[in-house]
Amino acid sequence: MKLDKARASKNLKAILEKVHTDADLELLSEYRKLYKKEINLFRRSWAAAWLFMYYDRKEIPSLSSLREKKSFKEETPSTDVEVNLSEEESKRLFFSIGKNRHLFPREIIAFICSKTSVPREDIGSIRILDNYSFVQVRDTRADEIIEALNGLKFRGRTLTVNYAKPKIAEAD
């Protein structure tokens, strides 16, 4: 059988898209650890190529079909749509993790939703900076989020979650 490079390239892009949008990162991390433990460093690329070849010959996913399908972790809410909360009904929370840990907004949302009873609709805009992030949440849920997440381990570090300091207005 001959390699269809265009189709294989499309499949590879679909796999990477799925990793960034749908993957359960904790489960994927466990698979990654097992993969690294069981497969010699010099054979890993061969094993990955074989797995990709197997996948490529079995199915042909498209990026749009991947977005339409539900994640295999169905309890994780959709994180694609940003919820707009008004300033009057929301609070900004400080999270002590940022871009330096390769963090994405969907991961913060999934983390909040998995550790609390807060629905996706109560989480607003998320601003991720290099070392920390700001998350807008409905003011009635802020204390619950702080209490549940402050001090938990996330991405290998203990989180600090608290109310963000108010923005300082620039002097004229």
C-alpha atoms as a PDB file:
ATOM      1  CA  MET A   1       0.000   0.000   0.000  1.00  0.00           C
ATOM      2  CA  LYS A   2       1.278   3.450  -0.930  1.00  0.00           C
ATOM      3  CA  LEU A   3       1.316   6.476   1.370  1.00  0.00           C
ATOM      4  CA  ASP A   4      -1.210   9.188   0.516  1.00  0.00           C
ATOM      5  CA  LYS A   5       0.816  12.147   1.835  1.00  0.00           C
ATOM      6  CA  ALA A   6      -2.029  14.668   1.571  1.00  0.00           C
ATOM      7  CA  ARG A   7      -4.432  12.471   3.541  1.00  0.00           C
ATOM      8  CA  ALA A   8      -1.745  11.552   6.101  1.00  0.00           C
ATOM      9  CA  SER A   9      -0.888  15.214   6.595  1.00  0.00           C
ATOM     10  CA  LYS A  10      -4.576  16.013   7.095  1.00  0.00           C
ATOM     11  CA  ASN A  11      -4.868  13.192   9.644  1.00  0.00           C
ATOM     12  CA  LEU A  12      -1.796  14.401  11.507  1.00  0.00           C
ATOM     13  CA  LYS A  13      -3.259  17.913  11.730  1.00  0.00           C
ATOM     14  CA  ALA A  14      -6.542  16.420  12.974  1.00  0.00           C
ATOM     15  CA  ILE A  15      -4.693  14.458  15.669  1.00  0.00           C
ATOM     16  CA  LEU A  16      -2.873  17.578  16.880  1.00  0.00           C
ATOM     17  CA  GLU A  17      -6.122  19.556  16.837  1.00  0.00           C
ATOM     18  CA  LYS A  18      -7.785  16.840  18.911  1.00  0.00           C
ATOM     19  CA  VAL A  19      -4.915  16.931  21.428  1.00  0.00           C
ATOM     20  CA  HIS A  20      -5.388  20.684  21.831  1.00  0.00           C
ATOM     21  CA  THR A  21      -9.191  20.682  21.980  1.00  0.00           C
ATOM     22  CA  ASP A  22     -10.597  17.366  23.167  1.00  0.00           C
ATOM     23  CA  ALA A  23      -7.937  15.393  25.018  1.00  0.00           C
ATOM     24  CA  ASP A  24      -8.210  14.571  28.700  1.00  0.00           C
ATOM     25  CA  LEU A  25      -4.757  15.900  29.569  1.00  0.00           C
ATOM     26  CA  GLU A  26      -4.418  13.876  32.754  1.00  0.00           C
ATOM     27  CA  LEU A  27      -5.195  10.625  30.923  1.00  0.00           C
ATOM     28  CA  LEU A  28      -2.976  11.590  28.002  1.00  0.00           C
ATOM     29  CA  SER A  29      -0.160  12.328  30.435  1.00  0.00           C
ATOM     30  CA  GLU A  30      -0.490   8.824  31.907  1.00  0.00           C
ATOM     31  CA  TYR A  31      -0.283   7.296  28.415  1.00  0.00           C
ATOM     32  CA  ARG A  32       2.743   9.459  27.674  1.00  0.00           C
ATOM     33  CA  LYS A  33       4.524   8.311  30.842  1.00  0.00           C
ATOM     34  CA  LEU A  34       3.830   4.669  30.022  1.00  0.00           C
ATOM     35  CA  TYR A  35       5.001   5.180  26.439  1.00  0.00           C
ATOM     36  CA  LYS A  36       8.264   6.746  27.611  1.00  0.00           C
ATOM     37  CA  LYS A  37       8.795   4.024  30.223  1.00  0.00           C
ATOM     38  CA  GLU A  38       8.149   1.068  27.919  1.00  0.00           C
ATOM     39  CA  ILE A  39       9.746   2.245  24.687  1.00  0.00           C
ATOM     40  CA  ASN A  40      13.452   2.859  24.314  1.00  0.00           C
ATOM     41  CA  LEU A  41      14.334   6.468  23.383  1.00  0.00           C
ATOM     42  CA  PHE A  42      15.777   5.361  20.040  1.00  0.00           C
ATOM     43  CA  ARG A  43      12.639   3.409  19.092  1.00  0.00           C
ATOM     44  CA  ARG A  44      10.007   5.952  20.149  1.00  0.00           C
ATOM     45  CA  SER A  45       9.828   7.706  16.783  1.00  0.00           C
ATOM     46  CA  TRP A  46       9.414   4.308  15.075  1.00  0.00           C
ATOM     47  CA  ALA A  47       6.640   3.347  17.472  1.00  0.00           C
ATOM     48  CA  ALA A  48       4.945   6.720  16.967  1.00  0.00           C
ATOM     49  CA  ALA A  49       5.236   6.336  13.181  1.00  0.00           C
ATOM     50  CA  TRP A  50       3.696   2.852  13.358  1.00  0.00           C
ATOM     51  CA  LEU A  51       0.831   4.100  15.537  1.00  0.00           C
ATOM     52  CA  PHE A  52       0.244   6.980  13.142  1.00  0.00           C
ATOM     53  CA  MET A  53       0.331   4.608  10.134  1.00  0.00           C
ATOM     54  CA  TYR A  54      -2.202   2.335  11.856  1.00  0.00           C
ATOM     55  CA  TYR A  55      -4.454   5.288  12.638  1.00  0.00           C
ATOM     56  CA  ASP A  56      -4.064   6.751   9.149  1.00  0.00           C
ATOM     57  CA  ARG A  57      -5.171   3.518   7.482  1.00  0.00           C
ATOM     58  CA  LYS A  58      -8.122   2.935   9.815  1.00  0.00           C
ATOM     59  CA  GLU A  59      -9.979   6.241   9.664  1.00  0.00           C
ATOM     60  CA  ILE A  60      -9.931   9.570   7.941  1.00  0.00           C
ATOM     61  CA  PRO A  61     -11.114  12.255  10.356  1.00  0.00           C
ATOM     62  CA  SER A  62     -11.669  15.789   9.239  1.00  0.00           C
ATOM     63  CA  LEU A  63     -11.080  18.797  11.452  1.00  0.00           C
ATOM     64  CA  SER A  64     -14.734  19.792  11.211  1.00  0.00           C
ATOM     65  CA  SER A  65     -15.962  16.312  12.184  1.00  0.00           C
ATOM     66  CA  LEU A  66     -13.639  16.344  15.189  1.00  0.00           C
ATOM     67  CA  ARG A  67     -15.152  19.612  16.358  1.00  0.00           C
ATOM     68  CA  GLU A  68     -18.681  18.228  15.938  1.00  0.00           C
ATOM     69  CA  LYS A  69     -18.019  15.017  17.882  1.00  0.00           C
ATOM     70  CA  LYS A  70     -18.219  15.060  21.650  1.00  0.00           C
ATOM     71  CA  SER A  71     -15.059  14.455  23.564  1.00  0.00           C
ATOM     72  CA  PHE A  72     -14.613  10.986  24.991  1.00  0.00           C
ATOM     73  CA  LYS A  73     -14.768  12.687  28.373  1.00  0.00           C
ATOM     74  CA  GLU A  74     -18.403  13.755  27.989  1.00  0.00           C
ATOM     75  CA  GLU A  75     -18.741  15.343  31.399  1.00  0.00           C
ATOM     76  CA  THR A  76     -16.256  18.051  30.391  1.00  0.00           C
ATOM     77  CA  PRO A  77     -18.245  21.083  29.248  1.00  0.00           C
ATOM     78  CA  SER A  78     -17.696  22.814  25.957  1.00  0.00           C
ATOM     79  CA  THR A  79     -15.098  25.534  26.341  1.00  0.00           C
ATOM     80  CA  ASP A  80     -15.160  27.032  22.876  1.00  0.00           C
ATOM     81  CA  VAL A  81     -17.676  29.793  23.587  1.00  0.00           C
ATOM     82  CA  GLU A  82     -16.623  32.663  25.812  1.00  0.00           C
ATOM     83  CA  VAL A  83     -19.300  33.703  28.262  1.00  0.00           C
ATOM     84  CA  ASN A  84     -19.699  37.439  28.761  1.00  0.00           C
ATOM     85  CA  LEU A  85     -20.326  38.426  32.364  1.00  0.00           C
ATOM     86  CA  SER A  86     -21.040  42.007  33.330  1.00  0.00           C
ATOM     87  CA  GLU A  87     -18.661  43.761  35.731  1.00  0.00           C
ATOM     88  CA  GLU A  88     -21.509  44.226  38.243  1.00  0.00           C
ATOM     89  CA  GLU A  89     -22.247  40.496  38.537  1.00  0.00           C
ATOM     90  CA  SER A  90     -18.683  39.172  38.408  1.00  0.00           C
ATOM     91  CA  LYS A  91     -15.360  39.086  40.224  1.00  0.00           C
ATOM     92  CA  ARG A  92     -11.844  38.604  38.855  1.00  0.00           C
ATOM     93  CA  LEU A  93      -9.807  35.807  40.368  1.00  0.00           C
ATOM     94  CA  PHE A  94      -6.034  35.484  40.375  1.00  0.00           C
ATOM     95  CA  PHE A  95      -4.537  32.070  39.468  1.00  0.00           C
ATOM     96  CA  SER A  96      -0.805  31.538  40.084  1.00  0.00           C
ATOM     97  CA  ILE A  97      -0.228  29.717  36.792  1.00  0.00           C
ATOM     98  CA  GLY A  98       0.261  31.068  33.283  1.00  0.00           C
ATOM     99  CA  LYS A  99       1.770  30.637  29.837  1.00  0.00           C
ATOM    100  CA  ASN A 100       5.033  29.359  31.263  1.00  0.00           C
ATOM    101  CA  ARG A 101       3.128  26.120  32.029  1.00  0.00           C
ATOM    102  CA  HIS A 102       1.621  25.984  28.503  1.00  0.00           C
ATOM    103  CA  LEU A 103      -1.820  26.770  29.863  1.00  0.00           C
ATOM    104  CA  PHE A 104      -4.926  27.248  27.720  1.00  0.00           C
ATOM    105  CA  PRO A 105      -8.263  28.798  28.792  1.00  0.00           C
ATOM    106  CA  ARG A 106     -10.126  25.524  28.166  1.00  0.00           C
ATOM    107  CA  GLU A 107      -7.855  23.807  30.700  1.00  0.00           C
ATOM    108  CA  ILE A 108      -8.669  26.375  33.383  1.00  0.00           C
ATOM    109  CA  ILE A 109     -12.375  25.976  32.631  1.00  0.00           C
ATOM    110  CA  ALA A 110     -12.172  22.177  32.746  1.00  0.00           C
ATOM    111  CA  PHE A 111     -10.205  22.333  36.004  1.00  0.00           C
ATOM    112  CA  ILE A 112     -12.732  24.653  37.658  1.00  0.00           C
ATOM    113  CA  CYS A 113     -15.686  22.576  36.451  1.00  0.00           C
ATOM    114  CA  SER A 114     -14.106  19.282  37.552  1.00  0.00           C
ATOM    115  CA  LYS A 115     -13.213  20.427  41.086  1.00  0.00           C
ATOM    116  CA  THR A 116     -16.307  22.520  41.853  1.00  0.00           C
ATOM    117  CA  SER A 117     -20.025  22.533  41.077  1.00  0.00           C
ATOM    118  CA  VAL A 118     -19.612  25.732  39.047  1.00  0.00           C
ATOM    119  CA  PRO A 119     -21.199  25.479  35.571  1.00  0.00           C
ATOM    120  CA  ARG A 120     -19.441  26.788  32.458  1.00  0.00           C
ATOM    121  CA  GLU A 121     -21.917  29.660  32.231  1.00  0.00           C
ATOM    122  CA  ASP A 122     -20.529  31.152  35.461  1.00  0.00           C
ATOM    123  CA  ILE A 123     -17.006  31.484  34.047  1.00  0.00           C
ATOM    124  CA  GLY A 124     -16.335  34.538  31.905  1.00  0.00           C
ATOM    125  CA  SER A 125     -13.234  35.888  30.229  1.00  0.00           C
ATOM    126  CA  ILE A 126      -9.826  34.390  30.940  1.00  0.00           C
ATOM    127  CA  ARG A 127      -6.581  36.299  30.558  1.00  0.00           C
ATOM    128  CA  ILE A 128      -3.426  34.193  30.659  1.00  0.00           C
ATOM    129  CA  LEU A 129      -0.145  36.024  31.219  1.00  0.00           C
ATOM    130  CA  ASP A 130       3.361  34.562  31.493  1.00  0.00           C
ATOM    131  CA  ASN A 131       3.320  33.567  35.173  1.00  0.00           C
ATOM    132  CA  TYR A 132      -0.289  34.004  36.264  1.00  0.00           C
ATOM    133  CA  SER A 133      -3.835  34.288  34.957  1.00  0.00           C
ATOM    134  CA  PHE A 134      -7.035  36.196  35.646  1.00  0.00           C
ATOM    135  CA  VAL A 135     -10.409  34.483  35.455  1.00  0.00           C
ATOM    136  CA  GLN A 136     -13.717  36.339  35.519  1.00  0.00           C
ATOM    137  CA  VAL A 137     -16.384  34.420  37.452  1.00  0.00           C
ATOM    138  CA  ARG A 138     -19.907  35.110  38.622  1.00  0.00           C
ATOM    139  CA  ASP A 139     -19.619  36.818  42.021  1.00  0.00           C
ATOM    140  CA  THR A 140     -21.926  34.255  43.678  1.00  0.00           C
ATOM    141  CA  ARG A 141     -19.431  31.484  42.740  1.00  0.00           C
ATOM    142  CA  ALA A 142     -16.114  33.204  43.506  1.00  0.00           C
ATOM    143  CA  ASP A 143     -15.791  32.028  47.120  1.00  0.00           C
ATOM    144  CA  GLU A 144     -16.611  28.429  46.143  1.00  0.00           C
ATOM    145  CA  ILE A 145     -13.889  28.445  43.474  1.00  0.00           C
ATOM    146  CA  ILE A 146     -11.285  29.984  45.776  1.00  0.00           C
ATOM    147  CA  GLU A 147     -12.075  27.528  48.570  1.00  0.00           C
ATOM    148  CA  ALA A 148     -11.976  24.490  46.273  1.00  0.00           C
ATOM    149  CA  LEU A 149      -8.890  25.340  44.199  1.00  0.00           C
ATOM    150  CA  ASN A 150      -6.549  27.328  46.435  1.00  0.00           C
ATOM    151  CA  GLY A 151      -3.718  25.016  47.494  1.00  0.00           C
ATOM    152  CA  LEU A 152      -4.463  22.239  44.985  1.00  0.00           C
ATOM    153  CA  LYS A 153      -1.742  20.811  42.743  1.00  0.00           C
ATOM    154  CA  PHE A 154      -2.152  21.648  39.054  1.00  0.00           C
ATOM    155  CA  ARG A 155       0.466  21.060  36.375  1.00  0.00           C
ATOM    156  CA  GLY A 156       3.072  20.190  38.976  1.00  0.00           C
ATOM    157  CA  ARG A 157       2.691  23.216  41.195  1.00  0.00           C
ATOM    158  CA  THR A 158       0.538  24.295  44.102  1.00  0.00           C
ATOM    159  CA  LEU A 159      -2.025  26.850  42.987  1.00  0.00           C
ATOM    160  CA  THR A 160      -2.754  30.105  44.691  1.00  0.00           C
ATOM    161  CA  VAL A 161      -6.276  31.231  43.852  1.00  0.00           C
ATOM    162  CA  ASN A 162      -7.694  34.404  45.360  1.00  0.00           C
ATOM    163  CA  TYR A 163      -9.430  37.638  44.491  1.00  0.00           C
ATOM    164  CA  ALA A 164      -7.445  39.706  42.017  1.00  0.00           C
ATOM    165  CA  LYS A 165      -6.365  43.135  43.138  1.00  0.00           C
ATOM    166  CA  PRO A 166      -8.361  45.892  41.459  1.00  0.00           C
ATOM    167  CA  LYS A 167      -6.876  47.407  38.343  1.00  0.00           C
ATOM    168  CA  ILE A 168      -5.067  50.635  39.144  1.00  0.00           C
ATOM    169  CA  ALA A 169      -6.402  53.509  37.081  1.00  0.00           C
ATOM    170  CA  GLU A 170      -3.664  55.369  35.223  1.00  0.00           C
ATOM    171  CA  ALA A 171      -3.084  58.914  36.408  1.00  0.00           C
ATOM    172  CA  ASP A 172      -3.732  61.636  33.846  1.00  0.00           C
END
